[in-house]
Amino acid sequence: FGMLNDYKLSDLHTPVRGIDWIGTLGNPVTKFQFCRRFAASTGDSPSESPMRLRVENARHRIASLAISAQDAGFSDQTHFFKRMHGITPGTYQRVHS
């Protein structure tokens, strides 16, 4: 399932179903067998795994923003974001969602 981790990491924004991954294994398995093997190997179900990776990716991006803000001399990432974009992150989210 290591190959699947590379596949998932390559495009976190594309919805992927477990059934889409079955063909990447090379040997025929049922959807049920695939899900059991995937969960045993990764600790996640095929549907949980991309979500976990997206959350981890977001967490790293937020941490990176906080470090960048601190390095630039701002008190926190909100102050940094507001200075760069003219609005707070919350306002930006409401306007762009």
C-alpha atoms as a PDB file:
ATOM      1  CA  PHE A   1       0.000   0.000   0.000  1.00  0.00           C
ATOM      2  CA  GLY A   2       3.047   2.282  -0.059  1.00  0.00           C
ATOM      3  CA  MET A   3       2.354   3.006  -3.724  1.00  0.00           C
ATOM      4  CA  LEU A   4      -1.121   4.169  -2.720  1.00  0.00           C
ATOM      5  CA  ASN A   5       0.341   6.639  -0.233  1.00  0.00           C
ATOM      6  CA  ASP A   6       2.397   8.163  -3.064  1.00  0.00           C
ATOM      7  CA  TYR A   7      -0.744   8.251  -5.212  1.00  0.00           C
ATOM      8  CA  LYS A   8      -2.763   9.946  -2.463  1.00  0.00           C
ATOM      9  CA  LEU A   9      -0.072  12.492  -1.678  1.00  0.00           C
ATOM     10  CA  SER A  10       0.274  13.463  -5.314  1.00  0.00           C
ATOM     11  CA  ASP A  11      -3.189  15.010  -5.448  1.00  0.00           C
ATOM     12  CA  LEU A  12      -4.937  15.560  -2.128  1.00  0.00           C
ATOM     13  CA  HIS A  13      -7.727  17.627  -3.651  1.00  0.00           C
ATOM     14  CA  THR A  14      -9.040  14.963  -6.020  1.00  0.00           C
ATOM     15  CA  PRO A  15     -11.726  12.785  -4.460  1.00  0.00           C
ATOM     16  CA  VAL A  16     -10.578   9.173  -4.515  1.00  0.00           C
ATOM     17  CA  ARG A  17     -12.665   6.156  -3.675  1.00  0.00           C
ATOM     18  CA  GLY A  18     -11.273   2.826  -2.517  1.00  0.00           C
ATOM     19  CA  ILE A  19     -12.688   1.208  -5.630  1.00  0.00           C
ATOM     20  CA  ASP A  20     -10.426   3.502  -7.699  1.00  0.00           C
ATOM     21  CA  TRP A  21      -7.354   2.099  -5.942  1.00  0.00           C
ATOM     22  CA  ILE A  22      -8.161  -1.572  -6.418  1.00  0.00           C
ATOM     23  CA  GLY A  23      -6.802  -1.557  -9.966  1.00  0.00           C
ATOM     24  CA  THR A  24      -3.457  -0.162  -8.790  1.00  0.00           C
ATOM     25  CA  LEU A  25      -2.668  -3.313  -6.809  1.00  0.00           C
ATOM     26  CA  GLY A  26      -2.077  -5.538  -9.811  1.00  0.00           C
ATOM     27  CA  ASN A  27      -3.928  -8.576  -8.470  1.00  0.00           C
ATOM     28  CA  PRO A  28      -7.710  -8.914  -8.445  1.00  0.00           C
ATOM     29  CA  VAL A  29      -9.362  -8.422  -5.065  1.00  0.00           C
ATOM     30  CA  THR A  30     -12.901  -7.634  -4.033  1.00  0.00           C
ATOM     31  CA  LYS A  31     -13.803  -4.235  -2.606  1.00  0.00           C
ATOM     32  CA  PHE A  32     -14.257  -5.848   0.819  1.00  0.00           C
ATOM     33  CA  GLN A  33     -10.826  -7.532   0.683  1.00  0.00           C
ATOM     34  CA  PHE A  34      -9.222  -4.306  -0.420  1.00  0.00           C
ATOM     35  CA  CYS A  35     -10.796  -2.294   2.407  1.00  0.00           C
ATOM     36  CA  ARG A  36      -9.714  -4.868   5.016  1.00  0.00           C
ATOM     37  CA  ARG A  37      -6.148  -4.997   3.685  1.00  0.00           C
ATOM     38  CA  PHE A  38      -5.968  -1.226   3.415  1.00  0.00           C
ATOM     39  CA  ALA A  39      -7.167  -0.732   6.998  1.00  0.00           C
ATOM     40  CA  ALA A  40      -4.787  -3.413   8.297  1.00  0.00           C
ATOM     41  CA  SER A  41      -1.862  -1.797   6.491  1.00  0.00           C
ATOM     42  CA  THR A  42      -2.555   1.899   7.104  1.00  0.00           C
ATOM     43  CA  GLY A  43      -4.815   2.015  10.162  1.00  0.00           C
ATOM     44  CA  ASP A  44      -7.399   3.982   8.175  1.00  0.00           C
ATOM     45  CA  SER A  45     -10.245   3.079   5.878  1.00  0.00           C
ATOM     46  CA  PRO A  46      -9.865   4.140   2.236  1.00  0.00           C
ATOM     47  CA  SER A  47     -12.327   6.983   2.850  1.00  0.00           C
ATOM     48  CA  GLU A  48     -10.667   8.166   6.097  1.00  0.00           C
ATOM     49  CA  SER A  49      -7.124   8.159   4.762  1.00  0.00           C
ATOM     50  CA  PRO A  50      -7.409  11.059   2.259  1.00  0.00           C
ATOM     51  CA  MET A  51      -9.242  13.157   4.869  1.00  0.00           C
ATOM     52  CA  ARG A  52      -6.509  12.506   7.439  1.00  0.00           C
ATOM     53  CA  LEU A  53      -3.862  13.464   4.870  1.00  0.00           C
ATOM     54  CA  ARG A  54      -5.745  16.670   3.994  1.00  0.00           C
ATOM     55  CA  VAL A  55      -5.965  17.629   7.683  1.00  0.00           C
ATOM     56  CA  GLU A  56      -2.250  16.886   8.186  1.00  0.00           C
ATOM     57  CA  ASN A  57      -1.427  18.961   5.095  1.00  0.00           C
ATOM     58  CA  ALA A  58      -3.542  21.863   6.401  1.00  0.00           C
ATOM     59  CA  ARG A  59      -1.884  21.602   9.821  1.00  0.00           C
ATOM     60  CA  HIS A  60       1.559  21.869   8.217  1.00  0.00           C
ATOM     61  CA  ARG A  61       0.485  24.826   6.110  1.00  0.00           C
ATOM     62  CA  ILE A  62      -0.891  26.644   9.157  1.00  0.00           C
ATOM     63  CA  ALA A  63       2.323  25.960  11.084  1.00  0.00           C
ATOM     64  CA  SER A  64       4.313  27.255   8.124  1.00  0.00           C
ATOM     65  CA  LEU A  65       2.233  30.440   8.068  1.00  0.00           C
ATOM     66  CA  ALA A  66       2.776  30.944  11.792  1.00  0.00           C
ATOM     67  CA  ILE A  67       6.543  30.509  11.392  1.00  0.00           C
ATOM     68  CA  SER A  68       6.595  32.879   8.422  1.00  0.00           C
ATOM     69  CA  ALA A  69       4.671  35.489  10.406  1.00  0.00           C
ATOM     70  CA  GLN A  70       7.025  35.174  13.348  1.00  0.00           C
ATOM     71  CA  ASP A  71      10.097  35.364  11.100  1.00  0.00           C
ATOM     72  CA  ALA A  72       8.701  38.531   9.520  1.00  0.00           C
ATOM     73  CA  GLY A  73       8.255  40.144  12.935  1.00  0.00           C
ATOM     74  CA  PHE A  74       4.484  39.833  13.291  1.00  0.00           C
ATOM     75  CA  SER A  75       2.912  38.867  16.609  1.00  0.00           C
ATOM     76  CA  ASP A  76       0.839  36.083  15.062  1.00  0.00           C
ATOM     77  CA  GLN A  77      -0.396  34.709  11.749  1.00  0.00           C
ATOM     78  CA  THR A  78      -3.678  36.654  11.926  1.00  0.00           C
ATOM     79  CA  HIS A  79      -1.819  39.956  12.125  1.00  0.00           C
ATOM     80  CA  PHE A  80       0.458  38.800   9.277  1.00  0.00           C
ATOM     81  CA  PHE A  81      -2.512  37.702   7.141  1.00  0.00           C
ATOM     82  CA  LYS A  82      -4.409  40.928   7.767  1.00  0.00           C
ATOM     83  CA  ARG A  83      -1.367  43.011   6.822  1.00  0.00           C
ATOM     84  CA  MET A  84      -0.835  41.005   3.622  1.00  0.00           C
ATOM     85  CA  HIS A  85      -4.489  40.783   2.521  1.00  0.00           C
ATOM     86  CA  GLY A  86      -6.185  43.680   4.280  1.00  0.00           C
ATOM     87  CA  ILE A  87      -8.713  41.448   6.054  1.00  0.00           C
ATOM     88  CA  THR A  88      -8.640  38.818   8.790  1.00  0.00           C
ATOM     89  CA  PRO A  89      -8.536  35.109   7.903  1.00  0.00           C
ATOM     90  CA  GLY A  90     -12.115  34.708   9.188  1.00  0.00           C
ATOM     91  CA  THR A  91     -13.426  37.480   6.950  1.00  0.00           C
ATOM     92  CA  TYR A  92     -11.478  36.073   4.011  1.00  0.00           C
ATOM     93  CA  GLN A  93     -13.029  32.647   4.601  1.00  0.00           C
ATOM     94  CA  ARG A  94     -16.570  34.052   4.786  1.00  0.00           C
ATOM     95  CA  VAL A  95     -16.095  36.095   1.601  1.00  0.00           C
ATOM     96  CA  HIS A  96     -14.500  33.260  -0.389  1.00  0.00           C
ATOM     97  CA  SER A  97     -16.599  30.280   0.678  1.00  0.00           C
END
